[in-house]
PDB file of all heavy atoms in Angstrom:
ATOM      1  N   ASP A   1      53.362  -1.974   9.560  1.00  0.00           N
ATOM      2  CA  ASP A   1      53.076  -3.079   8.650  1.00  0.00           C
ATOM      3  C   ASP A   1      53.336  -2.613   7.225  1.00  0.00           C
ATOM      4  O   ASP A   1      53.374  -1.408   6.950  1.00  0.00           O
ATOM      5  CB  ASP A   1      51.605  -3.508   8.783  1.00  0.00           C
ATOM      6  CG  ASP A   1      51.288  -4.048  10.168  1.00  0.00           C
ATOM      7  OD1 ASP A   1      52.015  -4.956  10.630  1.00  0.00           O
ATOM      8  OD2 ASP A   1      50.313  -3.560  10.782  1.00  0.00           O
ATOM      9  N   TRP A   2      53.504  -3.577   6.333  1.00  0.00           N
ATOM     10  CA  TRP A   2      53.638  -3.232   4.912  1.00  0.00           C
ATOM     11  C   TRP A   2      52.266  -2.814   4.401  1.00  0.00           C
ATOM     12  O   TRP A   2      51.377  -3.649   4.219  1.00  0.00           O
ATOM     13  CB  TRP A   2      54.210  -4.407   4.134  1.00  0.00           C
ATOM     14  CG  TRP A   2      55.651  -4.668   4.475  1.00  0.00           C
ATOM     15  CD1 TRP A   2      56.146  -5.690   5.225  1.00  0.00           C
ATOM     16  CD2 TRP A   2      56.775  -3.867   4.094  1.00  0.00           C
ATOM     17  NE1 TRP A   2      57.513  -5.577   5.340  1.00  0.00           N
ATOM     18  CE2 TRP A   2      57.926  -4.472   4.655  1.00  0.00           C
ATOM     19  CE3 TRP A   2      56.931  -2.711   3.334  1.00  0.00           C
ATOM     20  CZ2 TRP A   2      59.215  -3.961   4.477  1.00  0.00           C
ATOM     21  CZ3 TRP A   2      58.205  -2.192   3.158  1.00  0.00           C
ATOM     22  CH2 TRP A   2      59.322  -2.805   3.719  1.00  0.00           C
ATOM     23  N   ARG A   3      52.128  -1.526   4.165  1.00  0.00           N
ATOM     24  CA  ARG A   3      50.828  -0.959   3.793  1.00  0.00           C
ATOM     25  C   ARG A   3      51.066   0.154   2.778  1.00  0.00           C
ATOM     26  O   ARG A   3      51.727   1.148   3.074  1.00  0.00           O
ATOM     27  CB  ARG A   3      50.140  -0.383   5.046  1.00  0.00           C
ATOM     28  CG  ARG A   3      48.770   0.226   4.813  1.00  0.00           C
ATOM     29  CD  ARG A   3      48.344   1.064   6.009  1.00  0.00           C
ATOM     30  NE  ARG A   3      48.287   0.305   7.250  1.00  0.00           N
ATOM     31  CZ  ARG A   3      47.193  -0.321   7.695  1.00  0.00           C
ATOM     32  NH1 ARG A   3      46.072  -0.248   7.001  1.00  0.00           N
ATOM     33  NH2 ARG A   3      47.226  -0.982   8.837  1.00  0.00           N
ATOM     34  N   GLY A   4      50.547   0.004   1.569  1.00  0.00           N
ATOM     35  CA  GLY A   4      50.726   1.001   0.532  1.00  0.00           C
ATOM     36  C   GLY A   4      51.839   0.606  -0.420  1.00  0.00           C
ATOM     37  O   GLY A   4      52.885   0.107  -0.011  1.00  0.00           O
ATOM     38  N   TYR A   5      51.636   0.844  -1.688  1.00  0.00           N
ATOM     39  CA  TYR A   5      52.522   0.377  -2.753  1.00  0.00           C
ATOM     40  C   TYR A   5      53.986   0.723  -2.504  1.00  0.00           C
ATOM     41  O   TYR A   5      54.340   1.866  -2.231  1.00  0.00           O
ATOM     42  CB  TYR A   5      52.072   0.994  -4.076  1.00  0.00           C
ATOM     43  CG  TYR A   5      53.002   0.715  -5.228  1.00  0.00           C
ATOM     44  CD1 TYR A   5      53.090  -0.555  -5.775  1.00  0.00           C
ATOM     45  CD2 TYR A   5      53.802   1.721  -5.771  1.00  0.00           C
ATOM     46  CE1 TYR A   5      53.939  -0.816  -6.843  1.00  0.00           C
ATOM     47  CE2 TYR A   5      54.647   1.470  -6.827  1.00  0.00           C
ATOM     48  CZ  TYR A   5      54.718   0.203  -7.366  1.00  0.00           C
ATOM     49  OH  TYR A   5      55.567  -0.041  -8.403  1.00  0.00           O
ATOM     50  N   ASP A   6      54.833  -0.285  -2.614  1.00  0.00           N
ATOM     51  CA  ASP A   6      56.276  -0.126  -2.483  1.00  0.00           C
ATOM     52  C   ASP A   6      56.935  -1.423  -2.946  1.00  0.00           C
ATOM     53  O   ASP A   6      56.326  -2.213  -3.671  1.00  0.00           O
ATOM     54  CB  ASP A   6      56.671   0.236  -1.038  1.00  0.00           C
ATOM     55  CG  ASP A   6      56.156  -0.752   0.002  1.00  0.00           C
ATOM     56  OD1 ASP A   6      55.836  -1.906  -0.366  1.00  0.00           O
ATOM     57  OD2 ASP A   6      56.095  -0.391   1.186  1.00  0.00           O
ATOM     58  N   GLU A   7      58.163  -1.670  -2.477  1.00  0.00           N
ATOM     59  CA  GLU A   7      58.904  -2.844  -2.921  1.00  0.00           C
ATOM     60  C   GLU A   7      58.361  -4.153  -2.371  1.00  0.00           C
ATOM     61  O   GLU A   7      58.814  -5.239  -2.766  1.00  0.00           O
ATOM     62  CB  GLU A   7      60.381  -2.708  -2.529  1.00  0.00           C
ATOM     63  CG  GLU A   7      60.702  -2.894  -1.053  1.00  0.00           C
ATOM     64  CD  GLU A   7      60.552  -1.641  -0.218  1.00  0.00           C
ATOM     65  OE1 GLU A   7      59.831  -0.709  -0.658  1.00  0.00           O
ATOM     66  OE2 GLU A   7      61.141  -1.571   0.873  1.00  0.00           O
ATOM     67  N   SER A   8      57.386  -4.101  -1.461  1.00  0.00           N
ATOM     68  CA  SER A   8      56.910  -5.313  -0.806  1.00  0.00           C
ATOM     69  C   SER A   8      55.823  -6.042  -1.586  1.00  0.00           C
ATOM     70  O   SER A   8      55.227  -6.992  -1.061  1.00  0.00           O
ATOM     71  CB  SER A   8      56.406  -4.992   0.605  1.00  0.00           C
ATOM     72  OG  SER A   8      55.248  -4.179   0.556  1.00  0.00           O
ATOM     73  N   MET A   9      55.556  -5.669  -2.822  1.00  0.00           N
ATOM     74  CA  MET A   9      54.577  -6.419  -3.623  1.00  0.00           C
ATOM     75  C   MET A   9      54.972  -7.894  -3.684  1.00  0.00           C
ATOM     76  O   MET A   9      54.129  -8.780  -3.562  1.00  0.00           O
ATOM     77  CB  MET A   9      54.475  -5.844  -5.028  1.00  0.00           C
ATOM     78  CG  MET A   9      53.827  -4.483  -5.077  1.00  0.00           C
ATOM     79  SD  MET A   9      52.373  -4.408  -6.129  1.00  0.00           S
ATOM     80  CE  MET A   9      53.118  -4.525  -7.733  1.00  0.00           C
ATOM     81  N   ILE A  10      56.255  -8.167  -3.881  1.00  0.00           N
ATOM     82  CA  ILE A  10      56.691  -9.563  -3.963  1.00  0.00           C
ATOM     83  C   ILE A  10      56.471 -10.280  -2.639  1.00  0.00           C
ATOM     84  O   ILE A  10      56.147 -11.475  -2.614  1.00  0.00           O
ATOM     85  CB  ILE A  10      58.167  -9.657  -4.415  1.00  0.00           C
ATOM     86  CG1 ILE A  10      58.536 -11.116  -4.712  1.00  0.00           C
ATOM     87  CG2 ILE A  10      59.114  -9.021  -3.400  1.00  0.00           C
ATOM     88  CD1 ILE A  10      59.913 -11.280  -5.339  1.00  0.00           C
ATOM     89  N   LEU A  11      56.600  -9.570  -1.533  1.00  0.00           N
ATOM     90  CA  LEU A  11      56.344 -10.168  -0.223  1.00  0.00           C
ATOM     91  C   LEU A  11      54.918 -10.698  -0.153  1.00  0.00           C
ATOM     92  O   LEU A  11      54.684 -11.845   0.260  1.00  0.00           O
ATOM     93  CB  LEU A  11      56.598  -9.127   0.873  1.00  0.00           C
ATOM     94  CG  LEU A  11      56.359  -9.511   2.342  1.00  0.00           C
ATOM     95  CD1 LEU A  11      57.172  -8.603   3.247  1.00  0.00           C
ATOM     96  CD2 LEU A  11      54.878  -9.405   2.748  1.00  0.00           C
ATOM     97  N   TYR A  12      53.963  -9.881  -0.550  1.00  0.00           N
ATOM     98  CA  TYR A  12      52.559 -10.312  -0.465  1.00  0.00           C
ATOM     99  C   TYR A  12      52.251 -11.434  -1.449  1.00  0.00           C
ATOM    100  O   TYR A  12      51.474 -12.346  -1.129  1.00  0.00           O
ATOM    101  CB  TYR A  12      51.634  -9.111  -0.661  1.00  0.00           C
ATOM    102  CG  TYR A  12      51.454  -8.330   0.614  1.00  0.00           C
ATOM    103  CD1 TYR A  12      52.210  -7.192   0.878  1.00  0.00           C
ATOM    104  CD2 TYR A  12      50.557  -8.746   1.590  1.00  0.00           C
ATOM    105  CE1 TYR A  12      52.071  -6.488   2.067  1.00  0.00           C
ATOM    106  CE2 TYR A  12      50.405  -8.050   2.787  1.00  0.00           C
ATOM    107  CZ  TYR A  12      51.161  -6.927   3.018  1.00  0.00           C
ATOM    108  OH  TYR A  12      51.026  -6.246   4.218  1.00  0.00           O
ATOM    109  N   VAL A  13      52.840 -11.413  -2.627  1.00  0.00           N
ATOM    110  CA  VAL A  13      52.637 -12.515  -3.578  1.00  0.00           C
ATOM    111  C   VAL A  13      53.154 -13.818  -2.982  1.00  0.00           C
ATOM    112  O   VAL A  13      52.498 -14.867  -3.046  1.00  0.00           O
ATOM    113  CB  VAL A  13      53.322 -12.211  -4.925  1.00  0.00           C
ATOM    114  CG1 VAL A  13      53.313 -13.441  -5.831  1.00  0.00           C
ATOM    115  CG2 VAL A  13      52.629 -11.052  -5.629  1.00  0.00           C
ATOM    116  N   LEU A  14      54.341 -13.785  -2.373  1.00  0.00           N
ATOM    117  CA  LEU A  14      54.911 -14.986  -1.773  1.00  0.00           C
ATOM    118  C   LEU A  14      54.097 -15.458  -0.572  1.00  0.00           C
ATOM    119  O   LEU A  14      53.888 -16.663  -0.383  1.00  0.00           O
ATOM    120  CB  LEU A  14      56.352 -14.711  -1.352  1.00  0.00           C
ATOM    121  CG  LEU A  14      57.352 -14.468  -2.484  1.00  0.00           C
ATOM    122  CD1 LEU A  14      58.694 -14.027  -1.924  1.00  0.00           C
ATOM    123  CD2 LEU A  14      57.524 -15.722  -3.342  1.00  0.00           C
ATOM    124  N   ALA A  15      53.651 -14.518   0.255  1.00  0.00           N
ATOM    125  CA  ALA A  15      52.870 -14.895   1.438  1.00  0.00           C
ATOM    126  C   ALA A  15      51.513 -15.473   1.043  1.00  0.00           C
ATOM    127  O   ALA A  15      51.013 -16.411   1.677  1.00  0.00           O
ATOM    128  CB  ALA A  15      52.694 -13.683   2.353  1.00  0.00           C
ATOM    129  N   LEU A  16      50.918 -14.925   0.004  1.00  0.00           N
ATOM    130  CA  LEU A  16      49.638 -15.440  -0.477  1.00  0.00           C
ATOM    131  C   LEU A  16      49.797 -16.805  -1.131  1.00  0.00           C
ATOM    132  O   LEU A  16      48.893 -17.645  -1.085  1.00  0.00           O
ATOM    133  CB  LEU A  16      49.019 -14.461  -1.475  1.00  0.00           C
ATOM    134  CG  LEU A  16      48.456 -13.169  -0.889  1.00  0.00           C
ATOM    135  CD1 LEU A  16      48.235 -12.130  -1.979  1.00  0.00           C
ATOM    136  CD2 LEU A  16      47.142 -13.443  -0.159  1.00  0.00           C
ATOM    137  N   GLY A  17      50.951 -17.036  -1.750  1.00  0.00           N
ATOM    138  CA  GLY A  17      51.155 -18.280  -2.484  1.00  0.00           C
ATOM    139  C   GLY A  17      51.651 -19.430  -1.639  1.00  0.00           C
ATOM    140  O   GLY A  17      51.771 -20.552  -2.140  1.00  0.00           O
ATOM    141  N   SER A  18      51.958 -19.197  -0.374  1.00  0.00           N
ATOM    142  CA  SER A  18      52.527 -20.243   0.462  1.00  0.00           C
ATOM    143  C   SER A  18      51.598 -21.449   0.568  1.00  0.00           C
ATOM    144  O   SER A  18      50.416 -21.300   0.889  1.00  0.00           O
ATOM    145  CB  SER A  18      52.804 -19.698   1.867  1.00  0.00           C
ATOM    146  OG  SER A  18      53.189 -20.743   2.737  1.00  0.00           O
ATOM    147  N   PRO A  19      52.110 -22.655   0.327  1.00  0.00           N
ATOM    148  CA  PRO A  19      51.285 -23.853   0.510  1.00  0.00           C
ATOM    149  C   PRO A  19      51.223 -24.316   1.957  1.00  0.00           C
ATOM    150  O   PRO A  19      50.437 -25.202   2.289  1.00  0.00           O
ATOM    151  CB  PRO A  19      51.998 -24.892  -0.365  1.00  0.00           C
ATOM    152  CG  PRO A  19      53.419 -24.464  -0.370  1.00  0.00           C
ATOM    153  CD  PRO A  19      53.430 -22.965  -0.257  1.00  0.00           C
ATOM    154  N   THR A  20      52.016 -23.718   2.830  1.00  0.00           N
ATOM    155  CA  THR A  20      52.090 -24.148   4.227  1.00  0.00           C
ATOM    156  C   THR A  20      51.535 -23.126   5.217  1.00  0.00           C
ATOM    157  O   THR A  20      50.834 -23.487   6.160  1.00  0.00           O
ATOM    158  CB  THR A  20      53.553 -24.465   4.594  1.00  0.00           C
ATOM    159  OG1 THR A  20      54.394 -23.395   4.128  1.00  0.00           O
ATOM    160  CG2 THR A  20      54.000 -25.776   3.969  1.00  0.00           C
ATOM    161  N   TYR A  21      51.877 -21.845   5.024  1.00  0.00           N
ATOM    162  CA  TYR A  21      51.452 -20.797   5.961  1.00  0.00           C
ATOM    163  C   TYR A  21      50.901 -19.594   5.190  1.00  0.00           C
ATOM    164  O   TYR A  21      51.384 -18.471   5.350  1.00  0.00           O
ATOM    165  CB  TYR A  21      52.621 -20.342   6.834  1.00  0.00           C
ATOM    166  CG  TYR A  21      53.264 -21.439   7.639  1.00  0.00           C
ATOM    167  CD1 TYR A  21      54.463 -22.017   7.214  1.00  0.00           C
ATOM    168  CD2 TYR A  21      52.690 -21.893   8.830  1.00  0.00           C
ATOM    169  CE1 TYR A  21      55.077 -23.016   7.968  1.00  0.00           C
ATOM    170  CE2 TYR A  21      53.294 -22.890   9.588  1.00  0.00           C
ATOM    171  CZ  TYR A  21      54.484 -23.450   9.140  1.00  0.00           C
ATOM    172  OH  TYR A  21      55.086 -24.435   9.882  1.00  0.00           O
ATOM    173  N   PRO A  22      49.871 -19.773   4.365  1.00  0.00           N
ATOM    174  CA  PRO A  22      49.385 -18.647   3.560  1.00  0.00           C
ATOM    175  C   PRO A  22      48.651 -17.621   4.400  1.00  0.00           C
ATOM    176  O   PRO A  22      48.017 -17.952   5.405  1.00  0.00           O
ATOM    177  CB  PRO A  22      48.435 -19.326   2.570  1.00  0.00           C
ATOM    178  CG  PRO A  22      47.928 -20.530   3.311  1.00  0.00           C
ATOM    179  CD  PRO A  22      49.090 -21.012   4.135  1.00  0.00           C
ATOM    180  N   ILE A  23      48.768 -16.367   3.978  1.00  0.00           N
ATOM    181  CA  ILE A  23      47.986 -15.312   4.612  1.00  0.00           C
ATOM    182  C   ILE A  23      46.644 -15.205   3.903  1.00  0.00           C
ATOM    183  O   ILE A  23      46.449 -15.758   2.808  1.00  0.00           O
ATOM    184  CB  ILE A  23      48.732 -13.965   4.592  1.00  0.00           C
ATOM    185  CG1 ILE A  23      48.945 -13.468   3.158  1.00  0.00           C
ATOM    186  CG2 ILE A  23      50.056 -14.090   5.325  1.00  0.00           C
ATOM    187  CD1 ILE A  23      49.566 -12.077   3.061  1.00  0.00           C
ATOM    188  N   ASP A  24      45.722 -14.490   4.508  1.00  0.00           N
ATOM    189  CA  ASP A  24      44.375 -14.365   3.944  1.00  0.00           C
ATOM    190  C   ASP A  24      44.404 -13.574   2.644  1.00  0.00           C
ATOM    191  O   ASP A  24      45.165 -12.602   2.509  1.00  0.00           O
ATOM    192  CB  ASP A  24      43.461 -13.669   4.954  1.00  0.00           C
ATOM    193  CG  ASP A  24      41.996 -13.769   4.560  1.00  0.00           C
ATOM    194  OD1 ASP A  24      41.553 -12.920   3.762  1.00  0.00           O
ATOM    195  OD2 ASP A  24      41.316 -14.696   5.047  1.00  0.00           O
ATOM    196  N   ALA A  25      43.562 -13.954   1.698  1.00  0.00           N
ATOM    197  CA  ALA A  25      43.520 -13.275   0.401  1.00  0.00           C
ATOM    198  C   ALA A  25      43.160 -11.802   0.535  1.00  0.00           C
ATOM    199  O   ALA A  25      43.489 -11.000  -0.344  1.00  0.00           O
ATOM    200  CB  ALA A  25      42.524 -13.982  -0.530  1.00  0.00           C
ATOM    201  N   ALA A  26      42.497 -11.430   1.626  1.00  0.00           N
ATOM    202  CA  ALA A  26      42.131 -10.027   1.840  1.00  0.00           C
ATOM    203  C   ALA A  26      43.355  -9.144   2.028  1.00  0.00           C
ATOM    204  O   ALA A  26      43.261  -7.914   1.937  1.00  0.00           O
ATOM    205  CB  ALA A  26      41.220  -9.907   3.057  1.00  0.00           C
ATOM    206  N   ALA A  27      44.523  -9.738   2.280  1.00  0.00           N
ATOM    207  CA  ALA A  27      45.729  -8.951   2.548  1.00  0.00           C
ATOM    208  C   ALA A  27      46.124  -8.093   1.359  1.00  0.00           C
ATOM    209  O   ALA A  27      46.612  -6.970   1.528  1.00  0.00           O
ATOM    210  CB  ALA A  27      46.881  -9.881   2.928  1.00  0.00           C
ATOM    211  N   TRP A  28      45.920  -8.598   0.142  1.00  0.00           N
ATOM    212  CA  TRP A  28      46.374  -7.847  -1.035  1.00  0.00           C
ATOM    213  C   TRP A  28      45.655  -6.506  -1.150  1.00  0.00           C
ATOM    214  O   TRP A  28      46.289  -5.460  -1.310  1.00  0.00           O
ATOM    215  CB  TRP A  28      46.181  -8.667  -2.302  1.00  0.00           C
ATOM    216  CG  TRP A  28      46.733  -7.990  -3.521  1.00  0.00           C
ATOM    217  CD1 TRP A  28      46.044  -7.254  -4.441  1.00  0.00           C
ATOM    218  CD2 TRP A  28      48.105  -7.956  -3.943  1.00  0.00           C
ATOM    219  NE1 TRP A  28      46.890  -6.774  -5.417  1.00  0.00           N
ATOM    220  CE2 TRP A  28      48.159  -7.190  -5.132  1.00  0.00           C
ATOM    221  CE3 TRP A  28      49.287  -8.496  -3.439  1.00  0.00           C
ATOM    222  CZ2 TRP A  28      49.361  -6.952  -5.813  1.00  0.00           C
ATOM    223  CZ3 TRP A  28      50.472  -8.273  -4.110  1.00  0.00           C
ATOM    224  CH2 TRP A  28      50.498  -7.498  -5.283  1.00  0.00           C
ATOM    225  N   ASN A  29      44.344  -6.514  -1.064  1.00  0.00           N
ATOM    226  CA  ASN A  29      43.601  -5.260  -1.173  1.00  0.00           C
ATOM    227  C   ASN A  29      43.805  -4.380   0.059  1.00  0.00           C
ATOM    228  O   ASN A  29      43.785  -3.152  -0.042  1.00  0.00           O
ATOM    229  CB  ASN A  29      42.118  -5.538  -1.405  1.00  0.00           C
ATOM    230  CG  ASN A  29      41.842  -6.037  -2.819  1.00  0.00           C
ATOM    231  OD1 ASN A  29      42.640  -5.814  -3.731  1.00  0.00           O
ATOM    232  ND2 ASN A  29      40.722  -6.728  -3.004  1.00  0.00           N
ATOM    233  N   ALA A  30      44.030  -4.998   1.223  1.00  0.00           N
ATOM    234  CA  ALA A  30      44.332  -4.207   2.417  1.00  0.00           C
ATOM    235  C   ALA A  30      45.668  -3.489   2.254  1.00  0.00           C
ATOM    236  O   ALA A  30      45.821  -2.323   2.654  1.00  0.00           O
ATOM    237  CB  ALA A  30      44.359  -5.112   3.643  1.00  0.00           C
ATOM    238  N   PHE A  31      46.645  -4.170   1.670  1.00  0.00           N
ATOM    239  CA  PHE A  31      47.956  -3.573   1.398  1.00  0.00           C
ATOM    240  C   PHE A  31      47.817  -2.371   0.471  1.00  0.00           C
ATOM    241  O   PHE A  31      48.465  -1.335   0.667  1.00  0.00           O
ATOM    242  CB  PHE A  31      48.857  -4.652   0.791  1.00  0.00           C
ATOM    243  CG  PHE A  31      50.091  -4.142   0.101  1.00  0.00           C
ATOM    244  CD1 PHE A  31      51.033  -3.397   0.783  1.00  0.00           C
ATOM    245  CD2 PHE A  31      50.327  -4.437  -1.234  1.00  0.00           C
ATOM    246  CE1 PHE A  31      52.196  -2.949   0.146  1.00  0.00           C
ATOM    247  CE2 PHE A  31      51.469  -3.991  -1.876  1.00  0.00           C
ATOM    248  CZ  PHE A  31      52.407  -3.239  -1.189  1.00  0.00           C
TER     249      PHE A  31
END
């Protein structure tokens, strides 16, 4: 999984911002 700082910061921002299929807000701190 995407875990630990790298190029996937934008991935989590987009997944958190989705109006249709958002992931849980806890994902950012878990990442």
